Structures are given as C-alpha cells and as structure tokens.
Amino acid sequence: QVQLVESGGGLVQPGGSLRLSCRASGFTFWRSPMSWYRQAPGKEREWVAAITMDGGVKKYADSVKGRFTIARDNAKNTLYLQMNSLTSEDTAMYYCKASTPEYWGQGTQVTVSS
C-alpha cells in the first residue's frame, strides 16, 4: 500500500536548521510531483513547497522562500526539506504529499523555541 513516512522533526532554537525526510513506498515515486505542507496549532494547513517529478522545478511559499529548500532523490524514493534560519513562526506539523496518487504522510513535528 502507499506509504509516506516523514522524519527529521524536533525541537530547534531560533536561527537553527533541520532537514526533514519523507520516505515513499507503494507507488512509483519518480512519477509523482511532491509537496510539503504544514499546519500550526489553530491554523489551517498551508502549502510550503513543491517539486516536479524530475526535481527540475521547485516552488516555495513566500514565507519560506530563501530559507527552505525542497529536494528529492528518486533513486532512494525520498523527498527532503532543508529548513534554515528557523523562527517560531515555523513551528508546525509538517506533512509530505504525493500528487500521483494523492496521498498524505502522517506528519513530523517541528518546534522552534529557545
């Protein structure tokens, strides 16, 4: 069955960095555009970044542009999100999402706090 398993979240101080991973299985990963979303407590889920099947095109929400980098390794069926210069506003549950088929991971918590 389709599985997306996120990892790499945790507690980090403001200004710090984290790298999230999303390991995919059960579908043809290289054929699916992929995205990262996040949801902070009391807020709606918001789109963070997206990447095309071959990784050639990447797009970012304005709130993370210049600080976050989305990447994928199709040989490893894995999606990444490198997050730098983190602030408290980045505290949220982070989810990866496959487009083909449409499927969500279970999320990994990122908390930015001193």
Protein backbone atom coordinates (compact mmCIF):
# COMPACT_ATOMS: atom_id res chain seq x y z
CA GLN A 1 0.00 0.00 0.00
CA VAL A 2 1.00 3.62 -0.42
CA GLN A 3 3.09 4.93 2.45
CA LEU A 4 4.74 8.27 3.13
CA VAL A 5 6.79 8.37 6.30
CA GLU A 6 8.19 11.70 7.45
CA SER A 7 11.11 12.05 9.83
CA GLY A 8 13.63 14.63 11.00
CA GLY A 9 11.40 16.90 13.03
CA GLY A 10 12.23 18.02 16.54
CA LEU A 11 12.97 20.94 18.81
CA VAL A 12 15.37 23.57 17.48
CA GLN A 13 16.39 27.02 18.63
CA PRO A 14 15.52 30.12 16.60
CA GLY A 15 18.03 30.55 13.82
CA GLY A 16 18.71 26.85 13.68
CA SER A 17 18.25 24.30 10.93
CA LEU A 18 16.52 20.98 10.38
CA ARG A 19 16.24 18.61 7.46
CA LEU A 20 13.02 16.71 7.03
CA SER A 21 12.78 13.49 5.06
CA CYS A 22 9.79 11.71 3.55
CA ARG A 23 10.33 8.10 2.56
CA ALA A 24 7.85 6.87 -0.04
CA SER A 25 6.75 3.34 -0.88
CA GLY A 26 3.89 1.54 -2.60
CA PHE A 27 3.81 3.72 -5.70
CA THR A 28 6.09 4.93 -8.49
CA PHE A 29 7.75 7.79 -6.67
CA TRP A 30 9.56 9.30 -9.67
CA ARG A 31 6.23 9.74 -11.47
CA SER A 32 4.72 11.90 -8.77
CA PRO A 33 5.16 15.59 -8.13
CA MET A 34 5.65 16.07 -4.40
CA SER A 35 4.91 18.80 -1.90
CA TRP A 36 5.44 19.80 1.69
CA TYR A 37 2.66 21.32 3.78
CA ARG A 38 2.49 22.42 7.38
CA GLN A 39 -0.17 23.06 9.98
CA ALA A 40 0.34 25.15 13.07
CA PRO A 41 -1.95 24.80 16.10
CA GLY A 42 -5.23 26.55 15.49
CA LYS A 43 -4.42 27.30 11.87
CA GLU A 44 -5.31 25.78 8.54
CA ARG A 45 -2.87 23.53 6.72
CA GLU A 46 -0.75 25.59 4.35
CA TRP A 47 1.36 24.72 1.36
CA VAL A 48 5.12 25.18 1.87
CA ALA A 49 6.95 23.91 -1.21
CA ALA A 50 6.58 21.74 -4.29
CA ILE A 51 8.86 19.91 -6.68
CA THR A 52 8.30 18.36 -10.08
CA MET A 53 8.87 14.68 -10.90
CA ASP A 54 12.44 15.16 -12.05
CA GLY A 55 13.26 17.84 -9.50
CA GLY A 56 13.81 20.40 -12.19
CA VAL A 57 11.25 22.90 -10.97
CA LYS A 58 10.79 23.94 -7.36
CA LYS A 59 8.34 26.42 -5.91
CA TYR A 60 8.03 27.94 -2.45
CA ALA A 61 5.58 29.84 -0.34
CA ASP A 62 6.67 33.43 0.20
CA SER A 63 7.01 32.79 3.92
CA VAL A 64 9.82 30.26 3.42
CA LYS A 65 11.45 31.45 0.20
CA GLY A 66 15.20 31.84 0.62
CA ARG A 67 15.23 29.79 3.83
CA PHE A 68 13.82 26.38 2.84
CA THR A 69 14.95 24.08 0.05
CA ILE A 70 12.94 21.18 -1.31
CA ALA A 71 14.75 18.29 -2.97
CA ARG A 72 14.19 14.69 -3.96
CA ASP A 73 16.26 11.59 -4.57
CA ASN A 74 14.28 9.37 -6.92
CA ALA A 75 16.79 6.53 -6.51
CA LYS A 76 16.01 6.49 -2.79
CA ASN A 77 12.28 7.27 -3.10
CA THR A 78 12.81 10.13 -0.70
CA LEU A 79 11.71 13.74 -0.51
CA TYR A 80 13.56 16.30 1.59
CA LEU A 81 13.00 19.73 3.08
CA GLN A 82 16.05 21.61 4.27
CA MET A 83 14.96 24.34 6.67
CA ASN A 84 17.36 27.11 7.68
CA SER A 85 17.02 30.29 9.74
CA LEU A 86 14.05 28.87 11.56
CA THR A 87 11.76 31.10 13.58
CA SER A 88 8.91 30.46 15.97
CA GLU A 89 6.55 31.09 13.05
CA ASP A 90 7.82 27.85 11.51
CA THR A 91 6.55 25.77 14.42
CA ALA A 92 4.05 23.30 12.96
CA MET A 93 3.37 19.73 11.97
CA TYR A 94 4.98 19.15 8.59
CA TYR A 95 3.43 16.80 6.06
CA CYS A 96 4.62 15.48 2.74
CA LYS A 97 2.09 14.93 0.00
CA ALA A 98 2.22 12.89 -3.18
CA SER A 99 0.17 14.06 -6.15
CA THR A 100 0.02 10.81 -8.13
CA PRO A 101 -1.63 9.12 -6.34
CA GLU A 102 -2.84 11.81 -3.96
CA TYR A 103 -1.64 10.73 -0.54
CA TRP A 104 -0.50 12.34 2.71
CA GLY A 105 2.08 11.29 5.23
CA GLN A 106 1.38 11.24 8.97
CA GLY A 107 3.49 14.30 9.69
CA THR A 108 6.53 15.22 11.74
CA GLN A 109 6.51 17.93 14.40
CA VAL A 110 8.85 20.90 14.17
CA THR A 111 9.10 23.17 17.20
CA VAL A 112 11.22 26.30 17.14
CA SER A 113 11.81 27.63 20.62
CA SER A 114 14.54 28.87 22.89
